[in-house]
Amino acid sequence: MKSLKTLTVLSIALLSEPVCGLQADDNKVRISVPSVKGILELGVGETTWEAHVRADGKETQLQAMHRKDGIRITAFLQKVKFSTSPAKCRDKWWPMTAKSTPMKREDLRQYEKDGMAIVEYMIPEFRGNILHQKSVHAYLGGRGLCAEVHLSKDQYVDEDGHLFDDILRGVRFLPDKTAP
């Protein structure tokens, strides 16, 4: 099964086409930017996932949206032209995200944890419907790459907090690795 996963990731990097894949037994997925050293690894759980390389070849995006626990995962890995660190990636990307999503946010917090720069908040409602959505954006970076892992869950309750923590504990930015 591991070779299937490697082949899938290689296909993502080389073909620049959407790819759905199966994870290895550990549910780990790795994405990379074609011809660039650096890998983002994360556990997506027991679900299907899809990844795309942007047309200019400078960004890879992953989506895992159908987890049984209701958490949606999107991840981005992008080659950038500024000096990178988790905090610098957050400082550059978060303002653009905040502007592009004009929803009321509550309990907005920014902090650093386990080598990630994090923004988290709650969205209480959307277009008059109660949403109670928890969103967490975790930023990583180095070697000219920025990564963002976005987790969200509608109808969030405090007991769901460990699910977010479990996913974030499995996120790794491997700046010295290259895709096979």
N, C-alpha and C. Protein backbone atom coordinates (compact mmCIF):
# COMPACT_ATOMS: atom_id res chain seq x y z
N MET A 1 0.83 -1.19 0.00
CA MET A 1 0.00 0.00 0.00
C MET A 1 0.87 1.25 0.00
N LYS A 2 2.01 1.23 0.67
CA LYS A 2 2.87 2.39 0.73
C LYS A 2 3.33 2.82 -0.66
N SER A 3 3.65 1.88 -1.53
CA SER A 3 4.08 2.26 -2.87
C SER A 3 2.95 2.91 -3.65
N LEU A 4 1.70 2.51 -3.40
CA LEU A 4 0.55 3.14 -4.05
C LEU A 4 0.48 4.60 -3.63
N LYS A 5 0.67 4.87 -2.34
CA LYS A 5 0.63 6.24 -1.86
C LYS A 5 1.73 7.06 -2.51
N THR A 6 2.93 6.53 -2.57
CA THR A 6 4.05 7.23 -3.18
C THR A 6 3.75 7.52 -4.64
N LEU A 7 3.21 6.57 -5.35
CA LEU A 7 2.86 6.76 -6.75
C LEU A 7 1.81 7.85 -6.89
N THR A 8 0.82 7.86 -6.00
CA THR A 8 -0.22 8.88 -6.06
C THR A 8 0.37 10.26 -5.87
N VAL A 9 1.22 10.44 -4.86
CA VAL A 9 1.83 11.74 -4.62
C VAL A 9 2.70 12.14 -5.80
N LEU A 10 3.44 11.20 -6.37
CA LEU A 10 4.27 11.48 -7.54
C LEU A 10 3.38 11.93 -8.69
N SER A 11 2.25 11.27 -8.87
CA SER A 11 1.32 11.67 -9.93
C SER A 11 0.83 13.09 -9.71
N ILE A 12 0.57 13.45 -8.46
CA ILE A 12 0.13 14.81 -8.17
C ILE A 12 1.19 15.79 -8.62
N ALA A 13 2.43 15.51 -8.28
CA ALA A 13 3.52 16.43 -8.59
C ALA A 13 3.78 16.52 -10.09
N LEU A 14 3.67 15.42 -10.81
CA LEU A 14 4.06 15.42 -12.21
C LEU A 14 2.94 15.77 -13.17
N LEU A 15 1.74 15.36 -12.87
CA LEU A 15 0.67 15.52 -13.84
C LEU A 15 -0.12 16.82 -13.70
N SER A 16 -0.06 17.45 -12.53
CA SER A 16 -0.81 18.67 -12.27
C SER A 16 -2.30 18.48 -12.55
N GLU A 17 -2.80 17.29 -12.31
CA GLU A 17 -4.21 17.00 -12.47
C GLU A 17 -4.77 16.61 -11.11
N PRO A 18 -6.10 16.75 -10.93
CA PRO A 18 -6.67 16.30 -9.67
C PRO A 18 -6.46 14.80 -9.51
N VAL A 19 -6.15 14.40 -8.29
CA VAL A 19 -5.91 13.00 -8.00
C VAL A 19 -6.63 12.65 -6.72
N CYS A 20 -7.42 11.59 -6.72
CA CYS A 20 -7.98 11.06 -5.49
C CYS A 20 -7.12 9.89 -5.10
N GLY A 21 -6.96 9.67 -3.82
CA GLY A 21 -6.07 8.59 -3.45
C GLY A 21 -6.48 7.91 -2.18
N LEU A 22 -5.82 6.82 -1.92
CA LEU A 22 -5.95 6.10 -0.68
C LEU A 22 -4.71 6.33 0.14
N GLN A 23 -4.87 6.39 1.44
CA GLN A 23 -3.73 6.57 2.30
C GLN A 23 -3.14 5.21 2.67
N ALA A 24 -1.91 5.26 3.15
CA ALA A 24 -1.32 4.07 3.74
C ALA A 24 -2.05 3.80 5.05
N ASP A 25 -1.73 2.71 5.71
CA ASP A 25 -2.41 2.33 6.94
C ASP A 25 -2.35 3.40 8.02
N ASP A 26 -1.33 4.25 8.00
CA ASP A 26 -1.21 5.29 9.02
C ASP A 26 -2.00 6.56 8.65
N ASN A 27 -2.72 6.55 7.54
CA ASN A 27 -3.54 7.67 7.08
C ASN A 27 -2.75 8.95 6.85
N LYS A 28 -1.46 8.82 6.58
CA LYS A 28 -0.61 9.99 6.31
C LYS A 28 -0.61 10.29 4.82
N VAL A 29 -0.67 11.55 4.51
CA VAL A 29 -0.61 12.03 3.13
C VAL A 29 0.53 13.04 3.07
N ARG A 30 1.26 13.02 1.98
CA ARG A 30 2.34 13.98 1.77
C ARG A 30 2.06 14.74 0.48
N ILE A 31 2.20 16.07 0.56
CA ILE A 31 2.10 16.87 -0.66
C ILE A 31 3.37 17.68 -0.81
N SER A 32 3.68 17.99 -2.07
CA SER A 32 4.86 18.79 -2.37
C SER A 32 4.57 19.65 -3.59
N VAL A 33 5.42 20.64 -3.79
CA VAL A 33 5.36 21.49 -4.98
C VAL A 33 6.31 20.87 -6.00
N PRO A 34 5.89 20.68 -7.23
CA PRO A 34 6.76 20.05 -8.23
C PRO A 34 8.14 20.72 -8.32
N SER A 35 9.17 19.89 -8.33
CA SER A 35 10.56 20.33 -8.50
C SER A 35 11.08 21.22 -7.38
N VAL A 36 10.44 21.17 -6.22
CA VAL A 36 10.87 21.99 -5.08
C VAL A 36 11.07 21.07 -3.88
N LYS A 37 12.18 21.26 -3.18
CA LYS A 37 12.45 20.48 -1.98
C LYS A 37 11.54 20.95 -0.86
N GLY A 38 10.90 20.01 -0.18
CA GLY A 38 10.02 20.32 0.94
C GLY A 38 8.71 19.57 0.80
N ILE A 39 8.26 18.98 1.90
CA ILE A 39 7.03 18.18 1.91
C ILE A 39 6.19 18.58 3.11
N LEU A 40 4.87 18.63 2.92
CA LEU A 40 3.93 18.78 4.02
C LEU A 40 3.28 17.43 4.23
N GLU A 41 3.37 16.92 5.44
CA GLU A 41 2.78 15.62 5.79
C GLU A 41 1.70 15.83 6.83
N LEU A 42 0.56 15.18 6.64
CA LEU A 42 -0.50 15.25 7.64
C LEU A 42 -1.36 14.02 7.57
N GLY A 43 -1.96 13.69 8.69
CA GLY A 43 -2.91 12.59 8.75
C GLY A 43 -4.30 13.11 8.45
N VAL A 44 -4.95 12.54 7.45
CA VAL A 44 -6.27 13.02 7.08
C VAL A 44 -7.39 12.12 7.62
N GLY A 45 -7.00 11.03 8.29
CA GLY A 45 -8.01 10.13 8.82
C GLY A 45 -8.53 9.19 7.75
N GLU A 46 -9.54 8.45 8.13
CA GLU A 46 -10.15 7.48 7.20
C GLU A 46 -11.13 8.21 6.29
N THR A 47 -10.62 8.70 5.19
CA THR A 47 -11.43 9.44 4.24
C THR A 47 -10.73 9.44 2.90
N THR A 48 -11.41 9.88 1.89
CA THR A 48 -10.75 10.08 0.60
C THR A 48 -10.23 11.51 0.58
N TRP A 49 -9.25 11.75 -0.23
CA TRP A 49 -8.69 13.07 -0.35
C TRP A 49 -8.38 13.34 -1.80
N GLU A 50 -8.20 14.60 -2.10
CA GLU A 50 -7.90 15.03 -3.46
C GLU A 50 -6.87 16.14 -3.38
N ALA A 51 -5.93 16.14 -4.31
CA ALA A 51 -4.92 17.20 -4.35
C ALA A 51 -4.79 17.73 -5.77
N HIS A 52 -4.47 19.00 -5.86
CA HIS A 52 -4.29 19.66 -7.16
C HIS A 52 -3.03 20.50 -7.10
N VAL A 53 -2.33 20.57 -8.20
CA VAL A 53 -1.23 21.52 -8.35
C VAL A 53 -1.77 22.69 -9.16
N ARG A 54 -1.56 23.90 -8.65
CA ARG A 54 -2.02 25.10 -9.34
C ARG A 54 -1.37 25.18 -10.73
N ALA A 55 -2.02 25.78 -11.68
CA ALA A 55 -1.57 25.81 -13.07
C ALA A 55 -0.14 26.36 -13.23
N ASP A 56 0.27 27.30 -12.37
CA ASP A 56 1.62 27.84 -12.49
C ASP A 56 2.67 26.95 -11.82
N GLY A 57 2.23 25.85 -11.18
CA GLY A 57 3.15 24.90 -10.57
C GLY A 57 3.78 25.35 -9.27
N LYS A 58 3.29 26.43 -8.67
CA LYS A 58 3.91 26.97 -7.45
C LYS A 58 3.15 26.62 -6.18
N GLU A 59 2.01 25.93 -6.29
CA GLU A 59 1.23 25.60 -5.10
C GLU A 59 0.53 24.27 -5.31
N THR A 60 0.48 23.49 -4.24
CA THR A 60 -0.31 22.27 -4.21
C THR A 60 -1.35 22.41 -3.10
N GLN A 61 -2.59 22.04 -3.41
CA GLN A 61 -3.68 22.11 -2.45
C GLN A 61 -4.25 20.73 -2.23
N LEU A 62 -4.55 20.42 -0.99
CA LEU A 62 -5.16 19.14 -0.62
C LEU A 62 -6.50 19.40 0.04
N GLN A 63 -7.48 18.54 -0.23
CA GLN A 63 -8.78 18.61 0.44
C GLN A 63 -9.17 17.23 0.91
N ALA A 64 -9.60 17.16 2.17
CA ALA A 64 -10.17 15.94 2.75
C ALA A 64 -11.44 16.39 3.47
N MET A 65 -12.58 16.17 2.84
CA MET A 65 -13.81 16.81 3.32
C MET A 65 -14.85 15.88 3.93
N HIS A 66 -14.67 14.59 3.85
CA HIS A 66 -15.77 13.69 4.25
C HIS A 66 -15.39 12.77 5.40
N ARG A 67 -14.75 13.33 6.41
CA ARG A 67 -14.41 12.55 7.60
C ARG A 67 -15.68 12.26 8.40
N LYS A 68 -15.71 11.14 9.07
CA LYS A 68 -16.88 10.77 9.87
C LYS A 68 -17.14 11.74 11.01
N ASP A 69 -16.08 12.37 11.52
CA ASP A 69 -16.24 13.30 12.65
C ASP A 69 -16.67 14.70 12.19
N GLY A 70 -16.79 14.93 10.89
CA GLY A 70 -17.27 16.21 10.35
C GLY A 70 -16.21 17.27 10.19
N ILE A 71 -14.96 16.97 10.52
CA ILE A 71 -13.90 17.97 10.33
C ILE A 71 -13.49 17.99 8.87
N ARG A 72 -13.45 19.21 8.31
CA ARG A 72 -12.98 19.41 6.94
C ARG A 72 -11.53 19.86 7.02
N ILE A 73 -10.70 19.30 6.14
CA ILE A 73 -9.28 19.64 6.11
C ILE A 73 -8.93 20.15 4.72
N THR A 74 -8.31 21.31 4.68
CA THR A 74 -7.67 21.77 3.45
C THR A 74 -6.23 22.12 3.83
N ALA A 75 -5.33 21.90 2.91
CA ALA A 75 -3.93 22.23 3.15
C ALA A 75 -3.33 22.81 1.88
N PHE A 76 -2.43 23.75 2.07
CA PHE A 76 -1.76 24.41 0.96
C PHE A 76 -0.27 24.38 1.21
N LEU A 77 0.49 24.13 0.19
CA LEU A 77 1.95 24.24 0.24
C LEU A 77 2.34 25.07 -0.97
N GLN A 78 3.02 26.20 -0.73
CA GLN A 78 3.30 27.16 -1.81
C GLN A 78 4.73 27.66 -1.75
N LYS A 79 5.33 27.74 -2.92
CA LYS A 79 6.65 28.38 -3.06
C LYS A 79 6.40 29.88 -3.03
N VAL A 80 7.16 30.59 -2.17
CA VAL A 80 6.97 32.03 -2.01
C VAL A 80 8.30 32.75 -2.19
N LYS A 81 8.21 34.08 -2.32
CA LYS A 81 9.41 34.88 -2.60
C LYS A 81 9.87 35.68 -1.38
N PHE A 82 9.43 35.34 -0.19
CA PHE A 82 9.88 36.04 1.00
C PHE A 82 10.53 35.04 1.96
N SER A 83 11.31 35.56 2.87
CA SER A 83 11.96 34.72 3.88
C SER A 83 10.87 34.09 4.74
N THR A 84 10.92 32.77 4.93
CA THR A 84 9.80 32.07 5.54
C THR A 84 10.10 31.55 6.94
N SER A 85 9.04 31.55 7.73
CA SER A 85 8.97 30.95 9.05
C SER A 85 7.48 30.77 9.29
N PRO A 86 7.08 29.97 10.28
CA PRO A 86 5.64 29.86 10.55
C PRO A 86 4.98 31.23 10.78
N ALA A 87 5.60 32.07 11.59
CA ALA A 87 5.00 33.38 11.89
C ALA A 87 4.94 34.27 10.66
N LYS A 88 5.99 34.26 9.82
CA LYS A 88 5.97 35.09 8.61
C LYS A 88 4.91 34.61 7.63
N CYS A 89 4.75 33.29 7.52
CA CYS A 89 3.70 32.77 6.63
C CYS A 89 2.33 33.21 7.13
N ARG A 90 2.08 33.11 8.45
CA ARG A 90 0.81 33.57 9.01
C ARG A 90 0.63 35.07 8.77
N ASP A 91 1.69 35.84 9.01
CA ASP A 91 1.58 37.30 8.87
C ASP A 91 1.27 37.71 7.44
N LYS A 92 1.75 36.97 6.45
CA LYS A 92 1.47 37.28 5.04
C LYS A 92 0.10 36.75 4.60
N TRP A 93 -0.23 35.52 5.01
CA TRP A 93 -1.44 34.87 4.48
C TRP A 93 -2.71 35.18 5.25
N TRP A 94 -2.65 35.25 6.59
CA TRP A 94 -3.87 35.43 7.36
C TRP A 94 -4.63 36.70 6.99
N PRO A 95 -3.99 37.86 6.83
CA PRO A 95 -4.77 39.05 6.45
C PRO A 95 -5.55 38.87 5.15
N MET A 96 -4.97 38.16 4.18
CA MET A 96 -5.69 37.92 2.92
C MET A 96 -6.89 37.00 3.16
N THR A 97 -6.72 35.99 4.00
CA THR A 97 -7.83 35.08 4.33
C THR A 97 -8.93 35.84 5.06
N ALA A 98 -8.53 36.64 6.04
CA ALA A 98 -9.51 37.40 6.83
C ALA A 98 -10.33 38.33 5.96
N LYS A 99 -9.69 38.99 4.98
CA LYS A 99 -10.39 39.91 4.08
C LYS A 99 -11.32 39.18 3.12
N SER A 100 -10.88 38.00 2.65
CA SER A 100 -11.66 37.30 1.62
C SER A 100 -12.88 36.59 2.17
N THR A 101 -12.97 36.44 3.48
CA THR A 101 -14.10 35.76 4.10
C THR A 101 -14.76 36.71 5.08
N PRO A 102 -15.69 37.55 4.60
CA PRO A 102 -16.27 38.58 5.47
C PRO A 102 -17.40 38.03 6.36
N MET A 103 -17.03 37.16 7.30
CA MET A 103 -18.00 36.62 8.25
C MET A 103 -17.67 37.14 9.64
N LYS A 104 -18.66 37.18 10.46
CA LYS A 104 -18.42 37.57 11.85
C LYS A 104 -17.63 36.45 12.54
N ARG A 105 -16.51 36.85 13.15
CA ARG A 105 -15.67 35.89 13.88
C ARG A 105 -15.70 36.24 15.36
N GLU A 106 -15.79 35.22 16.18
CA GLU A 106 -15.74 35.41 17.63
C GLU A 106 -14.56 34.63 18.19
N ASP A 107 -14.11 35.05 19.35
CA ASP A 107 -13.04 34.34 20.08
C ASP A 107 -11.79 34.16 19.22
N LEU A 108 -11.44 35.16 18.44
CA LEU A 108 -10.25 35.09 17.59
C LEU A 108 -9.00 35.10 18.45
N ARG A 109 -8.14 34.11 18.22
CA ARG A 109 -6.87 34.00 18.95
C ARG A 109 -5.75 33.68 17.98
N GLN A 110 -4.59 34.28 18.23
CA GLN A 110 -3.38 33.95 17.48
C GLN A 110 -2.31 33.54 18.49
N TYR A 111 -1.61 32.45 18.18
CA TYR A 111 -0.57 31.97 19.09
C TYR A 111 0.35 31.03 18.34
N GLU A 112 1.44 30.64 19.00
CA GLU A 112 2.37 29.67 18.44
C GLU A 112 2.32 28.41 19.29
N LYS A 113 2.41 27.26 18.62
CA LYS A 113 2.37 25.98 19.34
C LYS A 113 3.03 24.92 18.46
N ASP A 114 3.94 24.16 19.04
CA ASP A 114 4.57 23.03 18.36
C ASP A 114 5.14 23.38 16.99
N GLY A 115 5.79 24.53 16.89
CA GLY A 115 6.40 24.94 15.63
C GLY A 115 5.44 25.47 14.59
N MET A 116 4.20 25.76 14.99
CA MET A 116 3.20 26.30 14.08
C MET A 116 2.72 27.65 14.60
N ALA A 117 2.40 28.55 13.69
CA ALA A 117 1.75 29.81 14.03
C ALA A 117 0.27 29.60 13.73
N ILE A 118 -0.58 29.82 14.72
CA ILE A 118 -1.98 29.40 14.62
C ILE A 118 -2.92 30.59 14.77
N VAL A 119 -4.02 30.55 14.01
CA VAL A 119 -5.15 31.45 14.16
C VAL A 119 -6.37 30.56 14.35
N GLU A 120 -7.15 30.82 15.38
CA GLU A 120 -8.39 30.07 15.56
C GLU A 120 -9.51 31.02 15.94
N TYR A 121 -10.74 30.62 15.60
CA TYR A 121 -11.90 31.46 15.85
C TYR A 121 -13.17 30.63 15.68
N MET A 122 -14.29 31.25 16.07
CA MET A 122 -15.62 30.65 15.89
C MET A 122 -16.42 31.55 14.95
N ILE A 123 -17.21 30.91 14.09
CA ILE A 123 -18.17 31.62 13.25
C ILE A 123 -19.55 31.21 13.78
N PRO A 124 -20.26 32.13 14.45
CA PRO A 124 -21.53 31.74 15.08
C PRO A 124 -22.66 31.45 14.10
N GLU A 125 -22.73 32.25 13.03
CA GLU A 125 -23.82 32.06 12.06
C GLU A 125 -23.38 32.50 10.69
N PHE A 126 -24.11 32.03 9.68
CA PHE A 126 -23.84 32.41 8.31
C PHE A 126 -25.17 32.59 7.61
N ARG A 127 -25.40 33.80 7.09
CA ARG A 127 -26.64 34.13 6.37
C ARG A 127 -27.88 33.79 7.19
N GLY A 128 -27.82 34.11 8.47
CA GLY A 128 -28.97 33.91 9.35
C GLY A 128 -29.13 32.50 9.89
N ASN A 129 -28.29 31.58 9.50
CA ASN A 129 -28.37 30.20 10.01
C ASN A 129 -27.30 29.97 11.07
N ILE A 130 -27.67 29.34 12.16
CA ILE A 130 -26.70 29.04 13.21
C ILE A 130 -25.71 28.02 12.66
N LEU A 131 -24.43 28.34 12.76
CA LEU A 131 -23.38 27.50 12.21
C LEU A 131 -22.48 26.95 13.31
N HIS A 132 -22.13 27.77 14.24
CA HIS A 132 -21.23 27.43 15.34
C HIS A 132 -20.02 26.63 14.81
N GLN A 133 -19.32 27.26 13.86
CA GLN A 133 -18.18 26.61 13.20
C GLN A 133 -16.88 27.01 13.87
N LYS A 134 -16.09 26.02 14.23
CA LYS A 134 -14.73 26.24 14.73
C LYS A 134 -13.80 26.16 13.53
N SER A 135 -12.89 27.14 13.42
CA SER A 135 -11.88 27.14 12.37
C SER A 135 -10.52 27.32 13.00
N VAL A 136 -9.56 26.53 12.51
CA VAL A 136 -8.17 26.64 12.94
C VAL A 136 -7.32 26.69 11.67
N HIS A 137 -6.44 27.69 11.59
CA HIS A 137 -5.48 27.82 10.51
C HIS A 137 -4.10 27.66 11.14
N ALA A 138 -3.36 26.63 10.76
CA ALA A 138 -2.01 26.40 11.28
C ALA A 138 -1.02 26.66 10.15
N TYR A 139 -0.04 27.52 10.40
CA TYR A 139 0.94 27.91 9.40
C TYR A 139 2.31 27.35 9.76
N LEU A 140 3.01 26.86 8.73
CA LEU A 140 4.37 26.37 8.86
C LEU A 140 5.16 26.96 7.71
N GLY A 141 6.48 26.98 7.85
CA GLY A 141 7.26 27.51 6.75
C GLY A 141 8.75 27.37 6.94
N GLY A 142 9.44 27.43 5.83
CA GLY A 142 10.89 27.38 5.79
C GLY A 142 11.35 27.10 4.37
N ARG A 143 12.62 27.43 4.08
CA ARG A 143 13.22 27.16 2.77
C ARG A 143 12.40 27.67 1.59
N GLY A 144 11.79 28.84 1.75
CA GLY A 144 11.03 29.42 0.64
C GLY A 144 9.67 28.80 0.40
N LEU A 145 9.17 28.01 1.37
CA LEU A 145 7.84 27.42 1.27
C LEU A 145 6.99 27.85 2.47
N CYS A 146 5.72 28.10 2.20
CA CYS A 146 4.73 28.31 3.26
C CYS A 146 3.69 27.20 3.16
N ALA A 147 3.25 26.75 4.32
CA ALA A 147 2.19 25.74 4.38
C ALA A 147 1.10 26.26 5.29
N GLU A 148 -0.13 25.94 4.93
CA GLU A 148 -1.28 26.26 5.77
C GLU A 148 -2.15 25.02 5.84
N VAL A 149 -2.54 24.64 7.04
CA VAL A 149 -3.50 23.57 7.25
C VAL A 149 -4.72 24.22 7.88
N HIS A 150 -5.87 24.11 7.20
CA HIS A 150 -7.11 24.70 7.70
C HIS A 150 -8.06 23.59 8.10
N LEU A 151 -8.48 23.63 9.36
CA LEU A 151 -9.44 22.66 9.89
C LEU A 151 -10.71 23.42 10.26
N SER A 152 -11.87 22.83 9.95
CA SER A 152 -13.12 23.46 10.37
C SER A 152 -14.17 22.39 10.65
N LYS A 153 -15.08 22.72 11.56
CA LYS A 153 -16.17 21.80 11.90
C LYS A 153 -17.38 22.63 12.29
N ASP A 154 -18.51 22.35 11.62
CA ASP A 154 -19.78 22.98 11.96
C ASP A 154 -20.36 22.30 13.20
N GLN A 155 -21.21 23.04 13.91
CA GLN A 155 -21.86 22.55 15.13
C GLN A 155 -20.82 22.03 16.14
N TYR A 156 -19.73 22.78 16.26
CA TYR A 156 -18.64 22.44 17.15
C TYR A 156 -19.09 22.49 18.61
N VAL A 157 -18.65 21.51 19.38
CA VAL A 157 -18.83 21.51 20.84
C VAL A 157 -17.46 21.31 21.46
N ASP A 158 -17.30 21.74 22.70
CA ASP A 158 -15.99 21.68 23.36
C ASP A 158 -15.37 20.28 23.33
N GLU A 159 -16.19 19.25 23.36
CA GLU A 159 -15.68 17.88 23.33
C GLU A 159 -14.98 17.54 22.01
N ASP A 160 -15.17 18.36 20.97
CA ASP A 160 -14.51 18.15 19.68
C ASP A 160 -13.08 18.68 19.66
N GLY A 161 -12.68 19.42 20.68
CA GLY A 161 -11.36 20.05 20.70
C GLY A 161 -10.23 19.07 20.52
N HIS A 162 -10.33 17.88 21.11
CA HIS A 162 -9.25 16.90 20.99
C HIS A 162 -9.08 16.42 19.55
N LEU A 163 -10.14 16.45 18.75
CA LEU A 163 -10.03 16.02 17.35
C LEU A 163 -9.12 16.97 16.58
N PHE A 164 -9.26 18.26 16.82
CA PHE A 164 -8.40 19.26 16.18
C PHE A 164 -6.95 19.06 16.64
N ASP A 165 -6.78 18.87 17.96
CA ASP A 165 -5.44 18.67 18.51
C ASP A 165 -4.78 17.43 17.92
N ASP A 166 -5.54 16.34 17.78
CA ASP A 166 -4.98 15.10 17.22
C ASP A 166 -4.48 15.31 15.79
N ILE A 167 -5.25 16.03 14.99
CA ILE A 167 -4.84 16.28 13.60
C ILE A 167 -3.58 17.15 13.58
N LEU A 168 -3.58 18.21 14.36
CA LEU A 168 -2.43 19.12 14.36
C LEU A 168 -1.16 18.44 14.87
N ARG A 169 -1.30 17.51 15.81
CA ARG A 169 -0.11 16.77 16.29
C ARG A 169 0.53 15.96 15.17
N GLY A 170 -0.22 15.58 14.17
CA GLY A 170 0.29 14.78 13.06
C GLY A 170 0.81 15.58 11.88
N VAL A 171 0.77 16.92 11.96
CA VAL A 171 1.22 17.76 10.86
C VAL A 171 2.74 17.92 10.96
N ARG A 172 3.42 17.68 9.84
CA ARG A 172 4.88 17.82 9.79
C ARG A 172 5.26 18.57 8.51
N PHE A 173 6.12 19.55 8.68
CA PHE A 173 6.73 20.21 7.53
C PHE A 173 8.16 19.67 7.44
N LEU A 174 8.47 19.05 6.34
CA LEU A 174 9.76 18.40 6.14
C LEU A 174 10.52 19.16 5.05
N PRO A 175 11.21 20.24 5.43
CA PRO A 175 11.83 21.12 4.43
C PRO A 175 12.98 20.49 3.65
N ASP A 176 13.60 19.47 4.18
CA ASP A 176 14.75 18.86 3.50
C ASP A 176 14.40 17.61 2.70
N LYS A 177 13.12 17.24 2.65
CA LYS A 177 12.70 16.04 1.93
C LYS A 177 12.22 16.43 0.53
N THR A 178 12.34 15.48 -0.38
CA THR A 178 11.81 15.68 -1.72
C THR A 178 10.88 14.52 -2.04
N ALA A 179 9.91 14.81 -2.90
CA ALA A 179 8.97 13.76 -3.32
C ALA A 179 9.73 12.73 -4.15
N PRO A 180 9.39 11.46 -3.98
CA PRO A 180 10.07 10.41 -4.76
C PRO A 180 9.78 10.52 -6.24
